[in-house]
């Protein structure tokens, strides 16, 4: 039997049908537990691989974000050194006065 035989048995055979191996037993008493165990093990391996790939992608993204944030910090420091830069939060305008068109 090959590795994909269990997939064929799981898809084509009902629990109460005769087993495809030729033993004459019902499938649920012959190969069902074995096939479900193989399927569960395969799914665990695939899930572990997927989570490993996801972690690798997240780590790569976080490293890229760190590089971008370093560039932003450098640019902000450069802007602050120039005269007249007050930053985004303290631009000198009061925030509670309505605009001219609203008056």
C-alpha atoms as a PDB file:
ATOM      1  CA  UNK A   1       0.000   0.000   0.000  1.00  0.00           C
ATOM      2  CA  UNK A   2       1.114   3.535  -0.691  1.00  0.00           C
ATOM      3  CA  UNK A   3       0.655   6.637   1.406  1.00  0.00           C
ATOM      4  CA  UNK A   4      -2.308   7.822  -0.645  1.00  0.00           C
ATOM      5  CA  UNK A   5      -4.235   4.542  -0.199  1.00  0.00           C
ATOM      6  CA  UNK A   6      -5.588   5.735   3.116  1.00  0.00           C
ATOM      7  CA  UNK A   7      -6.933   8.865   1.422  1.00  0.00           C
ATOM      8  CA  UNK A   8      -8.767   6.788  -1.161  1.00  0.00           C
ATOM      9  CA  UNK A   9     -10.202   4.513   1.515  1.00  0.00           C
ATOM     10  CA  UNK A  10     -11.363   7.456   3.628  1.00  0.00           C
ATOM     11  CA  UNK A  11     -13.061   9.158   0.676  1.00  0.00           C
ATOM     12  CA  UNK A  12     -14.666   6.180  -1.054  1.00  0.00           C
ATOM     13  CA  UNK A  13     -15.510   3.724   1.713  1.00  0.00           C
ATOM     14  CA  UNK A  14     -18.351   4.091   4.186  1.00  0.00           C
ATOM     15  CA  UNK A  15     -17.886   3.030   7.802  1.00  0.00           C
ATOM     16  CA  UNK A  16     -20.101  -0.044   7.428  1.00  0.00           C
ATOM     17  CA  UNK A  17     -18.870  -1.099   3.955  1.00  0.00           C
ATOM     18  CA  UNK A  18     -16.486  -3.992   3.487  1.00  0.00           C
ATOM     19  CA  UNK A  19     -12.852  -2.972   3.761  1.00  0.00           C
ATOM     20  CA  UNK A  20     -10.960  -2.546   0.494  1.00  0.00           C
ATOM     21  CA  UNK A  21      -7.985  -4.573   1.748  1.00  0.00           C
ATOM     22  CA  UNK A  22      -9.946  -7.803   1.181  1.00  0.00           C
ATOM     23  CA  UNK A  23     -10.100  -9.015   4.787  1.00  0.00           C
ATOM     24  CA  UNK A  24     -13.890  -9.328   4.702  1.00  0.00           C
ATOM     25  CA  UNK A  25     -14.298  -7.115   7.805  1.00  0.00           C
ATOM     26  CA  UNK A  26     -16.192  -3.880   7.982  1.00  0.00           C
ATOM     27  CA  UNK A  27     -14.033  -0.837   7.288  1.00  0.00           C
ATOM     28  CA  UNK A  28     -14.633   0.629  10.742  1.00  0.00           C
ATOM     29  CA  UNK A  29     -13.228  -2.516  12.386  1.00  0.00           C
ATOM     30  CA  UNK A  30     -10.344  -3.021   9.961  1.00  0.00           C
ATOM     31  CA  UNK A  31      -8.570   0.147   8.765  1.00  0.00           C
ATOM     32  CA  UNK A  32     -10.622   3.173   9.897  1.00  0.00           C
ATOM     33  CA  UNK A  33      -8.606   3.924  13.053  1.00  0.00           C
ATOM     34  CA  UNK A  34      -5.315   3.493  11.225  1.00  0.00           C
ATOM     35  CA  UNK A  35      -6.364   5.755   8.354  1.00  0.00           C
ATOM     36  CA  UNK A  36      -7.628   8.464  10.694  1.00  0.00           C
ATOM     37  CA  UNK A  37      -4.379   8.301  12.672  1.00  0.00           C
ATOM     38  CA  UNK A  38      -2.318   8.722   9.517  1.00  0.00           C
ATOM     39  CA  UNK A  39      -4.508  11.630   8.442  1.00  0.00           C
ATOM     40  CA  UNK A  40      -4.139  13.313  11.859  1.00  0.00           C
ATOM     41  CA  UNK A  41      -0.347  12.895  11.791  1.00  0.00           C
ATOM     42  CA  UNK A  42      -0.169  14.311   8.268  1.00  0.00           C
ATOM     43  CA  UNK A  43      -2.286  17.300   9.248  1.00  0.00           C
ATOM     44  CA  UNK A  44      -0.099  17.966  12.300  1.00  0.00           C
ATOM     45  CA  UNK A  45       3.011  18.009  10.132  1.00  0.00           C
ATOM     46  CA  UNK A  46       1.386  20.347   7.613  1.00  0.00           C
ATOM     47  CA  UNK A  47       0.181  22.650  10.394  1.00  0.00           C
ATOM     48  CA  UNK A  48       3.656  22.768  11.945  1.00  0.00           C
ATOM     49  CA  UNK A  49       5.176  23.668   8.572  1.00  0.00           C
ATOM     50  CA  UNK A  50       2.579  26.389   8.020  1.00  0.00           C
ATOM     51  CA  UNK A  51       3.169  27.958  11.433  1.00  0.00           C
ATOM     52  CA  UNK A  52       6.935  27.863  10.865  1.00  0.00           C
ATOM     53  CA  UNK A  53       6.510  29.657   7.542  1.00  0.00           C
ATOM     54  CA  UNK A  54       4.184  32.211   9.141  1.00  0.00           C
ATOM     55  CA  UNK A  55       6.695  32.912  11.910  1.00  0.00           C
ATOM     56  CA  UNK A  56       9.460  33.352   9.344  1.00  0.00           C
ATOM     57  CA  UNK A  57       7.345  35.823   7.369  1.00  0.00           C
ATOM     58  CA  UNK A  58       6.429  37.779  10.513  1.00  0.00           C
ATOM     59  CA  UNK A  59      10.078  37.925  11.577  1.00  0.00           C
ATOM     60  CA  UNK A  60      11.082  39.209   8.146  1.00  0.00           C
ATOM     61  CA  UNK A  61       8.332  41.849   8.259  1.00  0.00           C
ATOM     62  CA  UNK A  62       9.316  42.988  11.731  1.00  0.00           C
ATOM     63  CA  UNK A  63      12.937  43.359  10.627  1.00  0.00           C
ATOM     64  CA  UNK A  64      11.804  45.434   7.639  1.00  0.00           C
ATOM     65  CA  UNK A  65       9.602  47.569   9.900  1.00  0.00           C
ATOM     66  CA  UNK A  66      12.547  48.153  12.222  1.00  0.00           C
ATOM     67  CA  UNK A  67      14.643  49.386   9.319  1.00  0.00           C
ATOM     68  CA  UNK A  68      11.833  51.702   8.159  1.00  0.00           C
ATOM     69  CA  UNK A  69      11.312  53.093  11.651  1.00  0.00           C
ATOM     70  CA  UNK A  70      15.055  53.794  11.914  1.00  0.00           C
ATOM     71  CA  UNK A  71      14.825  55.788   8.699  1.00  0.00           C
ATOM     72  CA  UNK A  72      11.824  57.721  10.061  1.00  0.00           C
ATOM     73  CA  UNK A  73      13.669  58.512  13.285  1.00  0.00           C
ATOM     74  CA  UNK A  74      16.671  59.728  11.312  1.00  0.00           C
ATOM     75  CA  UNK A  75      14.462  61.935   9.124  1.00  0.00           C
ATOM     76  CA  UNK A  76      12.657  63.394  12.145  1.00  0.00           C
ATOM     77  CA  UNK A  77      15.930  64.215  13.868  1.00  0.00           C
ATOM     78  CA  UNK A  78      17.146  65.871  10.683  1.00  0.00           C
ATOM     79  CA  UNK A  79      13.961  67.926  10.418  1.00  0.00           C
ATOM     80  CA  UNK A  80      14.173  69.027  14.051  1.00  0.00           C
ATOM     81  CA  UNK A  81      17.685  70.316  13.483  1.00  0.00           C
ATOM     82  CA  UNK A  82      16.366  72.643  10.796  1.00  0.00           C
ATOM     83  CA  UNK A  83      14.980  75.923  12.050  1.00  0.00           C
ATOM     84  CA  UNK A  84      11.261  76.380  12.499  1.00  0.00           C
ATOM     85  CA  UNK A  85      10.328  72.715  12.854  1.00  0.00           C
ATOM     86  CA  UNK A  86       7.923  72.211  15.725  1.00  0.00           C
ATOM     87  CA  UNK A  87       6.679  68.696  15.070  1.00  0.00           C
ATOM     88  CA  UNK A  88       3.250  67.414  14.195  1.00  0.00           C
ATOM     89  CA  UNK A  89       1.516  67.827  17.540  1.00  0.00           C
ATOM     90  CA  UNK A  90       2.706  71.316  18.402  1.00  0.00           C
ATOM     91  CA  UNK A  91       2.310  73.250  15.171  1.00  0.00           C
ATOM     92  CA  UNK A  92       1.245  76.403  17.041  1.00  0.00           C
ATOM     93  CA  UNK A  93      -2.409  76.443  15.956  1.00  0.00           C
ATOM     94  CA  UNK A  94      -5.194  76.022  18.494  1.00  0.00           C
ATOM     95  CA  UNK A  95      -7.379  73.038  17.690  1.00  0.00           C
ATOM     96  CA  UNK A  96     -10.699  74.194  19.143  1.00  0.00           C
ATOM     97  CA  UNK A  97     -11.258  77.206  16.839  1.00  0.00           C
ATOM     98  CA  UNK A  98     -13.566  76.548  13.841  1.00  0.00           C
ATOM     99  CA  UNK A  99     -12.357  77.099  10.313  1.00  0.00           C
ATOM    100  CA  UNK A 100     -13.250  80.272   8.447  1.00  0.00           C
ATOM    101  CA  UNK A 101     -15.796  78.586   6.193  1.00  0.00           C
ATOM    102  CA  UNK A 102     -17.684  77.251   9.213  1.00  0.00           C
ATOM    103  CA  UNK A 103     -18.238  80.712  10.746  1.00  0.00           C
END
